[in-house]
PDB file of N, CA and C in Angstrom:
ATOM      1  N   UNK A   1      83.505 112.747  77.907  1.00  0.00           N
ATOM      2  CA  UNK A   1      82.322 111.749  77.590  1.00  0.00           C
ATOM      3  C   UNK A   1      81.275 112.708  78.382  1.00  0.00           C
ATOM      4  N   UNK A   2      80.147 113.376  77.536  1.00  0.00           N
ATOM      5  CA  UNK A   2      79.335 114.190  78.014  1.00  0.00           C
ATOM      6  C   UNK A   2      78.176 113.560  78.951  1.00  0.00           C
ATOM      7  N   UNK A   3      77.865 114.215  79.810  1.00  0.00           N
ATOM      8  CA  UNK A   3      76.745 113.445  80.813  1.00  0.00           C
ATOM      9  C   UNK A   3      77.677 112.302  81.933  1.00  0.00           C
ATOM     10  N   UNK A   4      78.627 111.876  81.956  1.00  0.00           N
ATOM     11  CA  UNK A   4      78.746 110.593  82.581  1.00  0.00           C
ATOM     12  C   UNK A   4      79.438 111.396  83.801  1.00  0.00           C
ATOM     13  N   UNK A   5      78.975 112.707  84.292  1.00  0.00           N
ATOM     14  CA  UNK A   5      79.821 112.918  85.811  1.00  0.00           C
ATOM     15  C   UNK A   5      81.555 112.824  85.523  1.00  0.00           C
ATOM     16  N   UNK A   6      81.663 113.231  86.742  1.00  0.00           N
ATOM     17  CA  UNK A   6      82.912 114.069  86.661  1.00  0.00           C
ATOM     18  C   UNK A   6      83.779 112.194  86.977  1.00  0.00           C
ATOM     19  N   UNK A   7      85.562 112.273  86.250  1.00  0.00           N
ATOM     20  CA  UNK A   7      85.923 110.952  86.645  1.00  0.00           C
ATOM     21  C   UNK A   7      86.232 110.890  88.205  1.00  0.00           C
ATOM     22  N   UNK A   8      86.275 112.133  88.708  1.00  0.00           N
ATOM     23  CA  UNK A   8      86.402 111.857  90.510  1.00  0.00           C
ATOM     24  C   UNK A   8      85.613 111.481  91.209  1.00  0.00           C
ATOM     25  N   UNK A   9      83.961 111.429  90.519  1.00  0.00           N
ATOM     26  CA  UNK A   9      83.174 111.349  91.343  1.00  0.00           C
ATOM     27  C   UNK A   9      82.611 109.458  91.066  1.00  0.00           C
ATOM     28  N   UNK A  10      82.408 108.921  92.179  1.00  0.00           N
ATOM     29  CA  UNK A  10      82.364 107.308  91.739  1.00  0.00           C
ATOM     30  C   UNK A  10      81.167 107.153  90.739  1.00  0.00           C
ATOM     31  N   UNK A  11      80.055 108.106  90.440  1.00  0.00           N
ATOM     32  CA  UNK A  11      79.352 107.708  89.020  1.00  0.00           C
ATOM     33  C   UNK A  11      80.184 107.905  88.107  1.00  0.00           C
ATOM     34  N   UNK A  12      80.800 108.637  88.274  1.00  0.00           N
ATOM     35  CA  UNK A  12      82.212 109.162  86.957  1.00  0.00           C
ATOM     36  C   UNK A  12      82.693 107.974  86.440  1.00  0.00           C
ATOM     37  N   UNK A  13      83.701 107.316  87.218  1.00  0.00           N
ATOM     38  CA  UNK A  13      84.609 106.297  87.155  1.00  0.00           C
ATOM     39  C   UNK A  13      83.862 105.097  86.768  1.00  0.00           C
ATOM     40  N   UNK A  14      82.256 105.060  87.374  1.00  0.00           N
ATOM     41  CA  UNK A  14      81.636 103.668  86.768  1.00  0.00           C
ATOM     42  C   UNK A  14      81.932 103.764  85.430  1.00  0.00           C
ATOM     43  N   UNK A  15      80.994 105.051  84.890  1.00  0.00           N
ATOM     44  CA  UNK A  15      80.543 105.032  83.472  1.00  0.00           C
ATOM     45  C   UNK A  15      81.914 104.576  82.791  1.00  0.00           C
ATOM     46  N   UNK A  16      83.091 105.429  83.154  1.00  0.00           N
ATOM     47  CA  UNK A  16      84.306 105.527  82.256  1.00  0.00           C
ATOM     48  C   UNK A  16      84.947 103.871  82.543  1.00  0.00           C
ATOM     49  N   UNK A  17      84.262 103.308  83.166  1.00  0.00           N
ATOM     50  CA  UNK A  17      85.020 101.561  84.060  1.00  0.00           C
ATOM     51  C   UNK A  17      84.288 101.173  82.460  1.00  0.00           C
ATOM     52  N   UNK A  18      82.860 100.987  82.840  1.00  0.00           N
ATOM     53  CA  UNK A  18      81.777 100.492  81.758  1.00  0.00           C
ATOM     54  C   UNK A  18      82.420 100.705  80.356  1.00  0.00           C
ATOM     55  N   UNK A  19      82.814 101.850  80.010  1.00  0.00           N
ATOM     56  CA  UNK A  19      83.158 102.269  78.537  1.00  0.00           C
ATOM     57  C   UNK A  19      83.930 101.707  78.261  1.00  0.00           C
ATOM     58  N   UNK A  20      84.989 101.184  79.180  1.00  0.00           N
ATOM     59  CA  UNK A  20      86.600 100.955  79.000  1.00  0.00           C
ATOM     60  C   UNK A  20      86.404  99.240  78.214  1.00  0.00           C
ATOM     61  N   UNK A  21      85.543  98.689  79.012  1.00  0.00           N
ATOM     62  CA  UNK A  21      85.325  97.040  78.440  1.00  0.00           C
ATOM     63  C   UNK A  21      86.337  96.603  79.294  1.00  0.00           C
ATOM     64  N   UNK A  22      86.742  96.675  80.479  1.00  0.00           N
ATOM     65  CA  UNK A  22      88.330  96.609  80.808  1.00  0.00           C
ATOM     66  C   UNK A  22      87.626  95.611  82.008  1.00  0.00           C
ATOM     67  N   UNK A  23      86.628  95.309  82.901  1.00  0.00           N
ATOM     68  CA  UNK A  23      86.021  95.439  83.994  1.00  0.00           C
ATOM     69  C   UNK A  23      84.726  94.293  83.431  1.00  0.00           C
ATOM     70  N   UNK A  24      85.115  93.208  84.518  1.00  0.00           N
ATOM     71  CA  UNK A  24      83.607  91.925  84.752  1.00  0.00           C
ATOM     72  C   UNK A  24      82.569  92.777  85.283  1.00  0.00           C
ATOM     73  N   UNK A  25      82.738  93.102  86.068  1.00  0.00           N
ATOM     74  CA  UNK A  25      81.660  93.772  86.940  1.00  0.00           C
ATOM     75  C   UNK A  25      81.981  95.291  87.251  1.00  0.00           C
ATOM     76  N   UNK A  26      81.061  96.143  86.816  1.00  0.00           N
ATOM     77  CA  UNK A  26      81.331  97.338  87.550  1.00  0.00           C
ATOM     78  C   UNK A  26      80.070  97.892  88.274  1.00  0.00           C
ATOM     79  N   UNK A  27      80.220  98.205  89.653  1.00  0.00           N
ATOM     80  CA  UNK A  27      79.450  98.360  90.806  1.00  0.00           C
ATOM     81  C   UNK A  27      77.989  97.335  90.976  1.00  0.00           C
ATOM     82  N   UNK A  28      78.616  95.961  90.469  1.00  0.00           N
ATOM     83  CA  UNK A  28      77.190  94.834  90.833  1.00  0.00           C
ATOM     84  C   UNK A  28      78.118  93.893  91.124  1.00  0.00           C
ATOM     85  N   UNK A  29      77.193  92.985  91.871  1.00  0.00           N
ATOM     86  CA  UNK A  29      78.235  91.904  92.341  1.00  0.00           C
ATOM     87  C   UNK A  29      78.685  90.888  91.830  1.00  0.00           C
ATOM     88  N   UNK A  30      79.629  90.409  92.893  1.00  0.00           N
ATOM     89  CA  UNK A  30      80.669  89.201  91.899  1.00  0.00           C
ATOM     90  C   UNK A  30      79.665  88.187  91.905  1.00  0.00           C
ATOM     91  N   UNK A  31      79.697  87.129  90.767  1.00  0.00           N
ATOM     92  CA  UNK A  31      78.892  86.476  90.192  1.00  0.00           C
ATOM     93  C   UNK A  31      79.890  85.286  89.778  1.00  0.00           C
ATOM     94  N   UNK A  32      79.076  83.910  89.909  1.00  0.00           N
ATOM     95  CA  UNK A  32      79.795  82.813  89.911  1.00  0.00           C
ATOM     96  C   UNK A  32      79.838  82.520  88.358  1.00  0.00           C
ATOM     97  N   UNK A  33      80.772  81.479  88.069  1.00  0.00           N
ATOM     98  CA  UNK A  33      80.582  81.385  86.267  1.00  0.00           C
ATOM     99  C   UNK A  33      79.646  81.197  85.461  1.00  0.00           C
ATOM    100  N   UNK A  34      78.042  81.073  86.396  1.00  0.00           N
ATOM    101  CA  UNK A  34      76.751  80.824  85.761  1.00  0.00           C
ATOM    102  C   UNK A  34      76.347  82.166  85.819  1.00  0.00           C
ATOM    103  N   UNK A  35      77.064  83.338  86.569  1.00  0.00           N
ATOM    104  CA  UNK A  35      76.351  84.364  86.374  1.00  0.00           C
ATOM    105  C   UNK A  35      75.590  84.738  87.686  1.00  0.00           C
ATOM    106  N   UNK A  36      75.705  83.885  88.744  1.00  0.00           N
ATOM    107  CA  UNK A  36      74.549  83.755  90.069  1.00  0.00           C
ATOM    108  C   UNK A  36      74.964  84.603  91.001  1.00  0.00           C
ATOM    109  N   UNK A  37      75.351  85.797  91.555  1.00  0.00           N
ATOM    110  CA  UNK A  37      75.670  86.098  92.678  1.00  0.00           C
ATOM    111  C   UNK A  37      75.984  85.465  93.594  1.00  0.00           C
ATOM    112  N   UNK A  38      76.990  85.713  94.180  1.00  0.00           N
ATOM    113  CA  UNK A  38      77.645  85.166  95.409  1.00  0.00           C
ATOM    114  C   UNK A  38      77.367  85.383  96.473  1.00  0.00           C
ATOM    115  N   UNK A  39      77.463  85.010  97.294  1.00  0.00           N
ATOM    116  CA  UNK A  39      76.469  84.838  98.903  1.00  0.00           C
ATOM    117  C   UNK A  39      78.044  85.111  99.499  1.00  0.00           C
ATOM    118  N   UNK A  40      77.722  85.944 100.444  1.00  0.00           N
ATOM    119  CA  UNK A  40      78.885  85.577 101.386  1.00  0.00           C
ATOM    120  C   UNK A  40      78.570  86.079 102.695  1.00  0.00           C
ATOM    121  N   UNK A  41      79.188  85.819 103.666  1.00  0.00           N
ATOM    122  CA  UNK A  41      78.748  86.263 105.692  1.00  0.00           C
ATOM    123  C   UNK A  41      78.935  87.989 105.380  1.00  0.00           C
ATOM    124  N   UNK A  42      77.946  88.475 105.890  1.00  0.00           N
ATOM    125  CA  UNK A  42      78.073  89.857 106.310  1.00  0.00           C
ATOM    126  C   UNK A  42      79.475  90.514 107.112  1.00  0.00           C
ATOM    127  N   UNK A  43      79.484  89.525 108.132  1.00  0.00           N
ATOM    128  CA  UNK A  43      80.586  89.785 109.104  1.00  0.00           C
ATOM    129  C   UNK A  43      81.640  88.761 109.612  1.00  0.00           C
ATOM    130  N   UNK A  44      82.267  89.284 109.891  1.00  0.00           N
ATOM    131  CA  UNK A  44      83.621  87.806 110.097  1.00  0.00           C
ATOM    132  C   UNK A  44      83.700  87.767 111.537  1.00  0.00           C
ATOM    133  N   UNK A  45      84.655  87.451 112.065  1.00  0.00           N
ATOM    134  CA  UNK A  45      85.514  87.557 113.418  1.00  0.00           C
ATOM    135  C   UNK A  45      87.089  87.830 112.794  1.00  0.00           C
ATOM    136  N   UNK A  46      87.359  88.857 113.006  1.00  0.00           N
ATOM    137  CA  UNK A  46      88.089  89.604 112.424  1.00  0.00           C
ATOM    138  C   UNK A  46      89.617  88.584 112.818  1.00  0.00           C
ATOM    139  N   UNK A  47      89.102  88.442 113.981  1.00  0.00           N
ATOM    140  CA  UNK A  47      90.370  87.277 114.361  1.00  0.00           C
ATOM    141  C   UNK A  47      90.990  86.302 114.144  1.00  0.00           C
ATOM    142  N   UNK A  48      89.767  85.557 113.396  1.00  0.00           N
ATOM    143  CA  UNK A  48      89.922  83.943 113.139  1.00  0.00           C
ATOM    144  C   UNK A  48      89.484  84.411 110.959  1.00  0.00           C
ATOM    145  N   UNK A  49      88.765  85.175 110.737  1.00  0.00           N
ATOM    146  CA  UNK A  49      88.016  84.825 109.613  1.00  0.00           C
ATOM    147  C   UNK A  49      87.172  84.039 109.347  1.00  0.00           C
ATOM    148  N   UNK A  50      86.615  83.849 110.273  1.00  0.00           N
ATOM    149  CA  UNK A  50      85.395  82.712 109.978  1.00  0.00           C
ATOM    150  C   UNK A  50      84.208  83.825 110.252  1.00  0.00           C
ATOM    151  N   UNK A  51      82.808  83.407 109.517  1.00  0.00           N
ATOM    152  CA  UNK A  51      81.520  84.213 109.665  1.00  0.00           C
ATOM    153  C   UNK A  51      81.059  84.258 110.928  1.00  0.00           C
ATOM    154  N   UNK A  52      80.783  85.113 111.220  1.00  0.00           N
ATOM    155  CA  UNK A  52      80.290  85.755 112.588  1.00  0.00           C
ATOM    156  C   UNK A  52      78.832  84.706 113.175  1.00  0.00           C
ATOM    157  N   UNK A  53      78.510  84.435 114.207  1.00  0.00           N
ATOM    158  CA  UNK A  53      77.841  83.362 114.393  1.00  0.00           C
ATOM    159  C   UNK A  53      75.810  84.324 113.983  1.00  0.00           C
ATOM    160  N   UNK A  54      75.645  83.422 112.952  1.00  0.00           N
ATOM    161  CA  UNK A  54      74.189  83.842 112.968  1.00  0.00           C
ATOM    162  C   UNK A  54      74.063  85.256 111.558  1.00  0.00           C
ATOM    163  N   UNK A  55      75.198  85.563 111.243  1.00  0.00           N
ATOM    164  CA  UNK A  55      75.639  86.750 110.310  1.00  0.00           C
ATOM    165  C   UNK A  55      74.669  86.449 109.289  1.00  0.00           C
ATOM    166  N   UNK A  56      74.016  87.541 108.496  1.00  0.00           N
ATOM    167  CA  UNK A  56      73.103  87.128 107.289  1.00  0.00           C
ATOM    168  C   UNK A  56      74.300  86.972 105.993  1.00  0.00           C
ATOM    169  N   UNK A  57      73.895  86.535 104.867  1.00  0.00           N
ATOM    170  CA  UNK A  57      74.725  86.467 104.001  1.00  0.00           C
ATOM    171  C   UNK A  57      73.805  87.352 102.952  1.00  0.00           C
ATOM    172  N   UNK A  58      75.281  88.290 102.157  1.00  0.00           N
ATOM    173  CA  UNK A  58      74.946  89.111 101.006  1.00  0.00           C
ATOM    174  C   UNK A  58      75.681  89.207 100.259  1.00  0.00           C
ATOM    175  N   UNK A  59      75.536  90.130  99.018  1.00  0.00           N
ATOM    176  CA  UNK A  59      76.167  90.037  97.836  1.00  0.00           C
ATOM    177  C   UNK A  59      77.282  90.930  97.991  1.00  0.00           C
ATOM    178  N   UNK A  60      78.657  90.643  97.137  1.00  0.00           N
ATOM    179  CA  UNK A  60      80.012  91.340  97.245  1.00  0.00           C
ATOM    180  C   UNK A  60      80.036  92.347  95.999  1.00  0.00           C
ATOM    181  N   UNK A  61      79.671  93.521  96.327  1.00  0.00           N
ATOM    182  CA  UNK A  61      79.605  94.270  95.641  1.00  0.00           C
ATOM    183  C   UNK A  61      80.806  95.620  95.580  1.00  0.00           C
ATOM    184  N   UNK A  62      82.089  95.148  94.704  1.00  0.00           N
ATOM    185  CA  UNK A  62      82.909  95.905  94.725  1.00  0.00           C
ATOM    186  C   UNK A  62      82.565  97.180  93.610  1.00  0.00           C
ATOM    187  N   UNK A  63      83.628  98.449  93.523  1.00  0.00           N
ATOM    188  CA  UNK A  63      83.144  99.129  91.942  1.00  0.00           C
ATOM    189  C   UNK A  63      83.711  98.505  90.689  1.00  0.00           C
ATOM    190  N   UNK A  64      84.552  97.717  90.919  1.00  0.00           N
ATOM    191  CA  UNK A  64      85.157  96.959  89.920  1.00  0.00           C
ATOM    192  C   UNK A  64      85.878  95.939  89.803  1.00  0.00           C
ATOM    193  N   UNK A  65      85.668  94.802  88.906  1.00  0.00           N
ATOM    194  CA  UNK A  65      86.634  93.551  89.245  1.00  0.00           C
ATOM    195  C   UNK A  65      86.825  92.933  87.797  1.00  0.00           C
ATOM    196  N   UNK A  66      87.633  92.345  87.369  1.00  0.00           N
ATOM    197  CA  UNK A  66      88.190  91.949  86.625  1.00  0.00           C
ATOM    198  C   UNK A  66      88.897  90.626  87.012  1.00  0.00           C
ATOM    199  N   UNK A  67      88.026  89.835  86.807  1.00  0.00           N
ATOM    200  CA  UNK A  67      88.418  88.257  86.897  1.00  0.00           C
ATOM    201  C   UNK A  67      90.244  87.740  86.501  1.00  0.00           C
ATOM    202  N   UNK A  68      90.220  87.920  85.014  1.00  0.00           N
ATOM    203  CA  UNK A  68      91.434  87.459  84.449  1.00  0.00           C
ATOM    204  C   UNK A  68      92.457  87.973  84.741  1.00  0.00           C
ATOM    205  N   UNK A  69      92.704  89.253  85.370  1.00  0.00           N
ATOM    206  CA  UNK A  69      93.665  89.911  85.800  1.00  0.00           C
ATOM    207  C   UNK A  69      93.823  89.834  87.126  1.00  0.00           C
ATOM    208  N   UNK A  70      92.824  89.184  88.127  1.00  0.00           N
ATOM    209  CA  UNK A  70      92.798  89.337  89.457  1.00  0.00           C
ATOM    210  C   UNK A  70      92.540  90.371  89.955  1.00  0.00           C
ATOM    211  N   UNK A  71      91.777  91.243  89.702  1.00  0.00           N
ATOM    212  CA  UNK A  71      91.661  93.005  90.349  1.00  0.00           C
ATOM    213  C   UNK A  71      90.262  92.935  90.729  1.00  0.00           C
ATOM    214  N   UNK A  72      90.243  93.678  92.013  1.00  0.00           N
ATOM    215  CA  UNK A  72      89.110  94.164  92.885  1.00  0.00           C
ATOM    216  C   UNK A  72      89.655  95.668  92.937  1.00  0.00           C
ATOM    217  N   UNK A  73      88.825  96.428  92.302  1.00  0.00           N
ATOM    218  CA  UNK A  73      88.639  97.792  92.549  1.00  0.00           C
ATOM    219  C   UNK A  73      87.448  98.547  93.597  1.00  0.00           C
ATOM    220  N   UNK A  74      87.973  98.937  95.009  1.00  0.00           N
ATOM    221  CA  UNK A  74      86.569  99.691  95.312  1.00  0.00           C
ATOM    222  C   UNK A  74      86.976 101.037  96.194  1.00  0.00           C
ATOM    223  N   UNK A  75      86.337 101.891  95.388  1.00  0.00           N
ATOM    224  CA  UNK A  75      86.758 103.350  95.638  1.00  0.00           C
ATOM    225  C   UNK A  75      86.431 104.031  96.970  1.00  0.00           C
ATOM    226  N   UNK A  76      87.296 104.546  97.690  1.00  0.00           N
ATOM    227  CA  UNK A  76      87.096 105.142  99.183  1.00  0.00           C
ATOM    228  C   UNK A  76      87.506 106.454  99.224  1.00  0.00           C
ATOM    229  N   UNK A  77      87.594 107.705  99.973  1.00  0.00           N
ATOM    230  CA  UNK A  77      87.746 109.022  99.838  1.00  0.00           C
ATOM    231  C   UNK A  77      89.090 108.651 100.464  1.00  0.00           C
ATOM    232  N   UNK A  78      89.871 109.824 100.039  1.00  0.00           N
ATOM    233  CA  UNK A  78      91.604 109.804 100.200  1.00  0.00           C
ATOM    234  C   UNK A  78      91.147 109.942 101.639  1.00  0.00           C
ATOM    235  N   UNK A  79      92.005 109.016 102.513  1.00  0.00           N
ATOM    236  CA  UNK A  79      92.920 109.388 103.900  1.00  0.00           C
ATOM    237  C   UNK A  79      91.864 108.494 104.615  1.00  0.00           C
ATOM    238  N   UNK A  80      90.874 107.990 104.426  1.00  0.00           N
ATOM    239  CA  UNK A  80      89.845 107.078 104.945  1.00  0.00           C
ATOM    240  C   UNK A  80      90.827 105.859 105.525  1.00  0.00           C
ATOM    241  N   UNK A  81      90.755 105.649 106.936  1.00  0.00           N
ATOM    242  CA  UNK A  81      91.167 104.665 107.416  1.00  0.00           C
ATOM    243  C   UNK A  81      91.217 103.111 107.054  1.00  0.00           C
ATOM    244  N   UNK A  82      91.228 102.117 106.010  1.00  0.00           N
ATOM    245  CA  UNK A  82      91.396 100.853 105.821  1.00  0.00           C
ATOM    246  C   UNK A  82      90.486  99.768 106.622  1.00  0.00           C
ATOM    247  N   UNK A  83      90.788 100.378 108.109  1.00  0.00           N
ATOM    248  CA  UNK A  83      90.245  99.635 109.401  1.00  0.00           C
ATOM    249  C   UNK A  83      88.583  99.700 109.290  1.00  0.00           C
ATOM    250  N   UNK A  84      88.562 101.034 108.904  1.00  0.00           N
ATOM    251  CA  UNK A  84      86.732 100.800 108.700  1.00  0.00           C
ATOM    252  C   UNK A  84      85.873 100.029 107.710  1.00  0.00           C
ATOM    253  N   UNK A  85      87.102  99.739 107.111  1.00  0.00           N
ATOM    254  CA  UNK A  85      86.441  98.401 105.631  1.00  0.00           C
ATOM    255  C   UNK A  85      86.726  97.321 105.514  1.00  0.00           C
ATOM    256  N   UNK A  86      87.162  96.624 106.780  1.00  0.00           N
ATOM    257  CA  UNK A  86      87.726  95.218 106.745  1.00  0.00           C
ATOM    258  C   UNK A  86      86.791  94.472 106.156  1.00  0.00           C
ATOM    259  N   UNK A  87      85.930  94.371 106.983  1.00  0.00           N
ATOM    260  CA  UNK A  87      84.517  93.239 106.598  1.00  0.00           C
ATOM    261  C   UNK A  87      83.952  93.208 104.901  1.00  0.00           C
ATOM    262  N   UNK A  88      83.989  94.492 104.799  1.00  0.00           N
ATOM    263  CA  UNK A  88      83.897  94.771 103.360  1.00  0.00           C
ATOM    264  C   UNK A  88      84.762  94.145 102.051  1.00  0.00           C
ATOM    265  N   UNK A  89      86.054  94.708 102.522  1.00  0.00           N
ATOM    266  CA  UNK A  89      87.488  93.905 101.907  1.00  0.00           C
ATOM    267  C   UNK A  89      87.139  92.483 101.838  1.00  0.00           C
ATOM    268  N   UNK A  90      87.169  91.919 103.124  1.00  0.00           N
ATOM    269  CA  UNK A  90      87.058  90.207 103.134  1.00  0.00           C
ATOM    270  C   UNK A  90      85.726  89.872 102.479  1.00  0.00           C
ATOM    271  N   UNK A  91      85.071  90.709 102.244  1.00  0.00           N
ATOM    272  CA  UNK A  91      83.888  89.988 101.989  1.00  0.00           C
ATOM    273  C   UNK A  91      83.504  90.413  99.987  1.00  0.00           C
ATOM    274  N   UNK A  92      84.728  90.608  99.603  1.00  0.00           N
ATOM    275  CA  UNK A  92      85.031  90.796  98.198  1.00  0.00           C
ATOM    276  C   UNK A  92      86.057  89.868  98.097  1.00  0.00           C
ATOM    277  N   UNK A  93      87.082  89.880  98.958  1.00  0.00           N
ATOM    278  CA  UNK A  93      88.313  88.652  98.658  1.00  0.00           C
ATOM    279  C   UNK A  93      87.588  87.179  98.606  1.00  0.00           C
ATOM    280  N   UNK A  94      86.648  86.949  99.882  1.00  0.00           N
ATOM    281  CA  UNK A  94      85.981  85.765  99.553  1.00  0.00           C
ATOM    282  C   UNK A  94      85.243  85.297  98.727  1.00  0.00           C
ATOM    283  N   UNK A  95      84.377  86.271  98.098  1.00  0.00           N
ATOM    284  CA  UNK A  95      83.484  86.122  96.849  1.00  0.00           C
ATOM    285  C   UNK A  95      84.292  85.924  95.460  1.00  0.00           C
ATOM    286  N   UNK A  96      85.250  86.785  95.610  1.00  0.00           N
ATOM    287  CA  UNK A  96      86.060  86.691  94.412  1.00  0.00           C
ATOM    288  C   UNK A  96      87.022  84.939  94.440  1.00  0.00           C
ATOM    289  N   UNK A  97      87.161  84.522  95.604  1.00  0.00           N
ATOM    290  CA  UNK A  97      87.934  83.056  96.009  1.00  0.00           C
ATOM    291  C   UNK A  97      87.238  81.774  95.355  1.00  0.00           C
ATOM    292  N   UNK A  98      85.645  82.281  95.771  1.00  0.00           N
ATOM    293  CA  UNK A  98      84.418  81.283  95.507  1.00  0.00           C
ATOM    294  C   UNK A  98      84.519  81.587  93.968  1.00  0.00           C
ATOM    295  N   UNK A  99      84.339  82.279  93.380  1.00  0.00           N
ATOM    296  CA  UNK A  99      84.739  82.332  91.732  1.00  0.00           C
ATOM    297  C   UNK A  99      85.514  81.625  91.175  1.00  0.00           C
ATOM    298  N   UNK A 100      86.760  82.314  91.481  1.00  0.00           N
ATOM    299  CA  UNK A 100      87.991  81.680  90.985  1.00  0.00           C
ATOM    300  C   UNK A 100      89.140  80.570  91.858  1.00  0.00           C
ATOM    301  N   UNK A 101      88.811  80.410  92.529  1.00  0.00           N
ATOM    302  CA  UNK A 101      89.377  79.732  93.191  1.00  0.00           C
ATOM    303  C   UNK A 101      90.761  80.010  94.012  1.00  0.00           C
ATOM    304  N   UNK A 102      91.204  81.070  93.690  1.00  0.00           N
ATOM    305  CA  UNK A 102      92.291  82.144  94.475  1.00  0.00           C
ATOM    306  C   UNK A 102      91.979  83.333  94.826  1.00  0.00           C
ATOM    307  N   UNK A 103      92.745  84.044  95.741  1.00  0.00           N
ATOM    308  CA  UNK A 103      92.427  85.218  96.060  1.00  0.00           C
ATOM    309  C   UNK A 103      93.144  86.491  95.064  1.00  0.00           C
ATOM    310  N   UNK A 104      92.357  87.289  94.537  1.00  0.00           N
ATOM    311  CA  UNK A 104      92.289  88.421  93.884  1.00  0.00           C
ATOM    312  C   UNK A 104      94.152  88.494  93.997  1.00  0.00           C
ATOM    313  N   UNK A 105      94.824  89.041  92.697  1.00  0.00           N
ATOM    314  CA  UNK A 105      95.859  89.627  93.134  1.00  0.00           C
ATOM    315  C   UNK A 105      96.199  91.121  93.287  1.00  0.00           C
ATOM    316  N   UNK A 106      95.483  92.215  92.777  1.00  0.00           N
ATOM    317  CA  UNK A 106      95.388  93.236  93.305  1.00  0.00           C
ATOM    318  C   UNK A 106      94.093  93.748  93.678  1.00  0.00           C
ATOM    319  N   UNK A 107      94.010  94.935  94.300  1.00  0.00           N
ATOM    320  CA  UNK A 107      92.576  95.625  94.900  1.00  0.00           C
ATOM    321  C   UNK A 107      93.231  97.327  94.886  1.00  0.00           C
ATOM    322  N   UNK A 108      92.064  98.052  95.197  1.00  0.00           N
ATOM    323  CA  UNK A 108      92.586  99.348  95.612  1.00  0.00           C
ATOM    324  C   UNK A 108      93.544  99.372  96.630  1.00  0.00           C
ATOM    325  N   UNK A 109      93.625  98.667  97.372  1.00  0.00           N
ATOM    326  CA  UNK A 109      94.246  98.490  98.605  1.00  0.00           C
ATOM    327  C   UNK A 109      95.288  97.910  98.442  1.00  0.00           C
ATOM    328  N   UNK A 110      95.211  97.032  97.394  1.00  0.00           N
ATOM    329  CA  UNK A 110      96.579  95.836  97.097  1.00  0.00           C
ATOM    330  C   UNK A 110      96.224  94.885  97.844  1.00  0.00           C
ATOM    331  N   UNK A 111      95.101  94.176  98.317  1.00  0.00           N
ATOM    332  CA  UNK A 111      94.977  93.477  99.413  1.00  0.00           C
ATOM    333  C   UNK A 111      95.102  92.183  98.606  1.00  0.00           C
ATOM    334  N   UNK A 112      96.215  91.431  99.396  1.00  0.00           N
ATOM    335  CA  UNK A 112      96.599  90.231  98.962  1.00  0.00           C
ATOM    336  C   UNK A 112      96.571  89.229  99.768  1.00  0.00           C
ATOM    337  N   UNK A 113      96.866  87.742  99.759  1.00  0.00           N
ATOM    338  CA  UNK A 113      96.583  87.193 100.784  1.00  0.00           C
ATOM    339  C   UNK A 113      97.086  87.473 102.103  1.00  0.00           C
ATOM    340  N   UNK A 114      98.537  87.934 102.135  1.00  0.00           N
ATOM    341  CA  UNK A 114      99.383  87.938 103.360  1.00  0.00           C
ATOM    342  C   UNK A 114      98.790  89.559 103.692  1.00  0.00           C
ATOM    343  N   UNK A 115      98.050  90.438 102.912  1.00  0.00           N
ATOM    344  CA  UNK A 115      97.438  91.238 103.573  1.00  0.00           C
ATOM    345  C   UNK A 115      96.402  91.160 104.429  1.00  0.00           C
ATOM    346  N   UNK A 116      95.806  90.208 103.882  1.00  0.00           N
ATOM    347  CA  UNK A 116      94.354  89.438 104.563  1.00  0.00           C
ATOM    348  C   UNK A 116      94.636  88.928 106.021  1.00  0.00           C
ATOM    349  N   UNK A 117      95.875  88.148 106.093  1.00  0.00           N
ATOM    350  CA  UNK A 117      96.423  88.042 107.232  1.00  0.00           C
ATOM    351  C   UNK A 117      96.243  89.162 108.145  1.00  0.00           C
ATOM    352  N   UNK A 118      97.204  90.164 107.825  1.00  0.00           N
ATOM    353  CA  UNK A 118      97.087  90.942 108.366  1.00  0.00           C
ATOM    354  C   UNK A 118      96.054  91.990 108.698  1.00  0.00           C
ATOM    355  N   UNK A 119      95.212  91.888 107.711  1.00  0.00           N
ATOM    356  CA  UNK A 119      93.751  92.487 108.321  1.00  0.00           C
ATOM    357  C   UNK A 119      92.933  91.871 109.146  1.00  0.00           C
ATOM    358  N   UNK A 120      93.047  90.765 109.520  1.00  0.00           N
ATOM    359  CA  UNK A 120      92.417  89.760 110.276  1.00  0.00           C
ATOM    360  C   UNK A 120      93.646  89.288 111.870  1.00  0.00           C
ATOM    361  N   UNK A 121      94.831  90.494 112.222  1.00  0.00           N
ATOM    362  CA  UNK A 121      95.500  90.599 112.751  1.00  0.00           C
ATOM    363  C   UNK A 121      94.941  91.400 113.630  1.00  0.00           C
TER     364      UNK A 121
END
């Protein structure tokens, strides 16, 4: 695919994901079924999962999402510790749950409901 950038770069992967038609969202907010972006708390208490007091709401924008497959992808550099992205991952999970009523089956980190409990521990 000429001009799309390398598939190893985030922009290159986005072009390929859009072209594949496999994803409902690519580098765009998780949206409710009427097409409006779902807003979720920016920060949560990592012990309880509850929103931090006075935390603003924001869009949850993963690198890709497929609602039917229960899949969220968020690309991170190799070796990046998952603990650096806990708030972001929780935003993705919560926005997906607001949309679909359940947590996604899979993500880049294979984050499931059980792993969410572990993230909050």
